[in-house]
Every structure is written in C-alpha cells, then in structure tokens.
Amino acid sequence: MPSYIVSSAFEGLSCQVCGLQAHGKRFEAVCCLPCAAFFRRYVLLNCKHKCLNENKCENFGTGIFKFAVAF
C-alpha cells in the first residue's frame, strides 16, 4: 500500500513518464511521486543530461527504466 493518498481526480491514470499510478500534475504532466521528485530536483539544480542509450530506453510500466541518464 502506498504511503501517500492519490487524489481522486487522478485515480486510474498512469504517470506519463514511467507508467506507475499517477499522483498529480507537476510541470504540466500527470505523474507519480518519484517522477515528480526527480523533475523537481532536475529543475532546482538546473541539470543538463545526456541519454546513455541514444534515446532508446524501454519502459514496461514498472516505473523502472533499463538505462539511466548522466548529469
């Protein structure tokens, strides 16, 4: 059971980034808490990234990507 409460407006919706249960809308996207936290840190730290897999990452709705990004 998640340690947070999903807003009823987002019940049944999936995160547009990773496919997990959406929690709310952040940065103009419906997303889960882990993705919201990642993008919040990304913006606050003014990060630049480079895909380590030539933009060919696969996501199977598990919330986990096979490859990462380098900052």
N, C-alpha and C. Protein backbone atom coordinates (compact mmCIF):
# COMPACT_ATOMS: atom_id res chain seq x y z
N MET A 1 0.85 -1.19 0.00
CA MET A 1 0.00 0.00 0.00
C MET A 1 0.89 1.24 0.00
N PRO A 2 0.60 2.20 -0.89
CA PRO A 2 1.44 3.40 -0.95
C PRO A 2 1.32 4.23 0.31
N SER A 3 2.38 4.97 0.61
CA SER A 3 2.39 5.81 1.80
C SER A 3 1.84 7.20 1.51
N TYR A 4 1.14 7.36 0.43
CA TYR A 4 0.53 8.63 0.07
C TYR A 4 -0.89 8.37 -0.42
N ILE A 5 -1.67 9.41 -0.46
CA ILE A 5 -3.05 9.29 -0.92
C ILE A 5 -3.15 9.88 -2.32
N VAL A 6 -3.68 9.11 -3.25
CA VAL A 6 -3.84 9.57 -4.62
C VAL A 6 -5.11 10.40 -4.70
N SER A 7 -4.99 11.59 -5.28
CA SER A 7 -6.16 12.44 -5.47
C SER A 7 -7.17 11.71 -6.33
N SER A 8 -8.44 11.82 -5.98
CA SER A 8 -9.48 11.12 -6.74
C SER A 8 -9.52 11.58 -8.20
N ALA A 9 -9.04 12.78 -8.47
CA ALA A 9 -9.01 13.27 -9.85
C ALA A 9 -8.02 12.50 -10.70
N PHE A 10 -7.06 11.81 -10.06
CA PHE A 10 -6.02 11.11 -10.80
C PHE A 10 -6.11 9.59 -10.66
N GLU A 11 -7.14 9.09 -9.98
CA GLU A 11 -7.32 7.65 -9.85
C GLU A 11 -7.48 7.02 -11.22
N GLY A 12 -6.79 5.93 -11.44
CA GLY A 12 -6.88 5.23 -12.71
C GLY A 12 -5.99 5.79 -13.81
N LEU A 13 -5.32 6.91 -13.55
CA LEU A 13 -4.41 7.49 -14.54
C LEU A 13 -2.98 7.02 -14.27
N SER A 14 -2.22 6.89 -15.32
CA SER A 14 -0.83 6.47 -15.21
C SER A 14 0.10 7.65 -15.40
N CYS A 15 1.25 7.57 -14.77
CA CYS A 15 2.30 8.57 -14.94
C CYS A 15 2.69 8.62 -16.41
N GLN A 16 2.77 9.81 -16.97
CA GLN A 16 3.12 9.97 -18.38
C GLN A 16 4.61 9.71 -18.63
N VAL A 17 5.39 9.59 -17.57
CA VAL A 17 6.82 9.35 -17.71
C VAL A 17 7.15 7.87 -17.59
N CYS A 18 6.67 7.23 -16.51
CA CYS A 18 7.10 5.86 -16.24
C CYS A 18 5.98 4.83 -16.23
N GLY A 19 4.73 5.26 -16.19
CA GLY A 19 3.62 4.31 -16.23
C GLY A 19 3.06 3.88 -14.89
N LEU A 20 3.66 4.32 -13.78
CA LEU A 20 3.11 3.99 -12.46
C LEU A 20 1.82 4.77 -12.21
N GLN A 21 1.14 4.48 -11.11
CA GLN A 21 -0.08 5.19 -10.72
C GLN A 21 0.24 6.68 -10.57
N ALA A 22 -0.51 7.52 -11.25
CA ALA A 22 -0.30 8.97 -11.17
C ALA A 22 -0.78 9.49 -9.82
N HIS A 23 -0.10 10.50 -9.33
CA HIS A 23 -0.45 11.12 -8.06
C HIS A 23 -1.01 12.52 -8.25
N GLY A 24 -0.54 13.19 -9.28
CA GLY A 24 -0.99 14.56 -9.51
C GLY A 24 -0.37 15.11 -10.77
N LYS A 25 -0.52 16.41 -10.96
CA LYS A 25 0.04 17.06 -12.14
C LYS A 25 1.17 17.97 -11.70
N ARG A 26 2.34 17.73 -12.25
CA ARG A 26 3.52 18.53 -11.95
C ARG A 26 4.21 18.88 -13.26
N PHE A 27 4.67 20.09 -13.37
CA PHE A 27 5.39 20.53 -14.57
C PHE A 27 4.61 20.22 -15.84
N GLU A 28 3.31 20.44 -15.78
CA GLU A 28 2.40 20.26 -16.93
C GLU A 28 2.25 18.80 -17.37
N ALA A 29 2.57 17.85 -16.49
CA ALA A 29 2.42 16.43 -16.84
C ALA A 29 1.78 15.68 -15.68
N VAL A 30 0.95 14.71 -15.99
CA VAL A 30 0.39 13.82 -14.98
C VAL A 30 1.49 12.84 -14.62
N CYS A 31 1.87 12.80 -13.32
CA CYS A 31 3.00 11.95 -12.95
C CYS A 31 2.87 11.38 -11.54
N CYS A 32 3.70 10.38 -11.28
CA CYS A 32 3.76 9.75 -9.96
C CYS A 32 4.70 10.56 -9.06
N LEU A 33 4.75 10.22 -7.78
CA LEU A 33 5.61 10.95 -6.85
C LEU A 33 7.10 10.82 -7.17
N PRO A 34 7.61 9.62 -7.50
CA PRO A 34 9.04 9.53 -7.82
C PRO A 34 9.44 10.39 -9.02
N CYS A 35 8.63 10.40 -10.06
CA CYS A 35 8.95 11.23 -11.23
C CYS A 35 8.83 12.71 -10.90
N ALA A 36 7.84 13.08 -10.10
CA ALA A 36 7.69 14.48 -9.69
C ALA A 36 8.92 14.93 -8.91
N ALA A 37 9.42 14.06 -8.01
CA ALA A 37 10.61 14.40 -7.22
C ALA A 37 11.84 14.53 -8.11
N PHE A 38 11.98 13.62 -9.06
CA PHE A 38 13.12 13.67 -9.98
C PHE A 38 13.12 14.98 -10.76
N PHE A 39 11.99 15.34 -11.34
CA PHE A 39 11.94 16.55 -12.15
C PHE A 39 12.04 17.82 -11.31
N ARG A 40 11.55 17.78 -10.06
CA ARG A 40 11.72 18.93 -9.17
C ARG A 40 13.21 19.17 -8.92
N ARG A 41 13.94 18.08 -8.59
CA ARG A 41 15.39 18.21 -8.36
C ARG A 41 16.10 18.64 -9.65
N TYR A 42 15.67 18.09 -10.76
CA TYR A 42 16.27 18.42 -12.05
C TYR A 42 16.18 19.91 -12.33
N VAL A 43 15.01 20.49 -12.08
CA VAL A 43 14.79 21.92 -12.32
C VAL A 43 15.54 22.76 -11.30
N LEU A 44 15.46 22.40 -10.01
CA LEU A 44 16.12 23.18 -8.97
C LEU A 44 17.63 23.21 -9.13
N LEU A 45 18.21 22.11 -9.57
CA LEU A 45 19.66 22.03 -9.73
C LEU A 45 20.13 22.48 -11.11
N ASN A 46 19.18 22.89 -11.96
CA ASN A 46 19.48 23.35 -13.32
C ASN A 46 20.36 22.33 -14.05
N CYS A 47 19.96 21.08 -13.99
CA CYS A 47 20.73 19.98 -14.56
C CYS A 47 20.65 19.94 -16.08
N LYS A 48 21.70 19.46 -16.65
CA LYS A 48 21.75 19.12 -18.07
C LYS A 48 22.02 17.62 -18.10
N HIS A 49 21.41 16.92 -19.03
CA HIS A 49 21.63 15.47 -19.05
C HIS A 49 21.94 14.97 -20.45
N LYS A 50 22.49 13.78 -20.47
CA LYS A 50 22.78 13.11 -21.73
C LYS A 50 22.29 11.68 -21.59
N CYS A 51 21.49 11.22 -22.53
CA CYS A 51 21.00 9.86 -22.52
C CYS A 51 22.16 8.91 -22.77
N LEU A 52 22.26 7.85 -21.96
CA LEU A 52 23.33 6.88 -22.11
C LEU A 52 22.96 5.75 -23.07
N ASN A 53 21.75 5.81 -23.63
CA ASN A 53 21.29 4.74 -24.52
C ASN A 53 20.73 5.29 -25.83
N GLU A 54 21.24 6.41 -26.28
CA GLU A 54 20.83 7.02 -27.54
C GLU A 54 19.31 7.16 -27.68
N ASN A 55 18.64 7.54 -26.59
CA ASN A 55 17.19 7.74 -26.55
C ASN A 55 16.40 6.50 -26.94
N LYS A 56 16.90 5.32 -26.60
CA LYS A 56 16.23 4.07 -26.94
C LYS A 56 15.78 3.30 -25.70
N CYS A 57 15.57 3.99 -24.59
CA CYS A 57 15.16 3.32 -23.35
C CYS A 57 13.77 2.72 -23.48
N GLU A 58 13.58 1.58 -22.85
CA GLU A 58 12.29 0.92 -22.85
C GLU A 58 11.69 1.01 -21.46
N ASN A 59 10.38 1.21 -21.42
CA ASN A 59 9.66 1.27 -20.15
C ASN A 59 8.45 0.36 -20.28
N PHE A 60 8.32 -0.54 -19.35
CA PHE A 60 7.23 -1.50 -19.40
C PHE A 60 6.17 -1.24 -18.34
N GLY A 61 6.04 0.02 -17.90
CA GLY A 61 5.03 0.38 -16.91
C GLY A 61 5.39 -0.03 -15.50
N THR A 62 6.67 -0.33 -15.27
CA THR A 62 7.12 -0.76 -13.94
C THR A 62 7.64 0.40 -13.12
N GLY A 63 7.86 1.54 -13.76
CA GLY A 63 8.44 2.68 -13.06
C GLY A 63 9.96 2.64 -13.07
N ILE A 64 10.53 1.63 -13.72
CA ILE A 64 11.98 1.49 -13.76
C ILE A 64 12.42 1.47 -15.22
N PHE A 65 13.39 2.29 -15.53
CA PHE A 65 13.95 2.29 -16.87
C PHE A 65 15.23 1.46 -16.86
N LYS A 66 15.51 0.82 -17.98
CA LYS A 66 16.67 -0.07 -18.06
C LYS A 66 17.97 0.71 -18.02
N PHE A 67 18.01 1.88 -18.62
CA PHE A 67 19.22 2.68 -18.68
C PHE A 67 18.99 4.00 -17.94
N ALA A 68 20.07 4.68 -17.64
CA ALA A 68 19.98 5.93 -16.88
C ALA A 68 20.50 7.09 -17.72
N VAL A 69 20.45 8.24 -17.12
CA VAL A 69 21.00 9.43 -17.75
C VAL A 69 22.21 9.89 -16.96
N ALA A 70 23.12 10.55 -17.62
CA ALA A 70 24.29 11.11 -16.96
C ALA A 70 24.07 12.61 -16.83
N PHE A 71 24.39 13.15 -15.67
CA PHE A 71 24.23 14.59 -15.44
C PHE A 71 25.56 15.28 -15.51
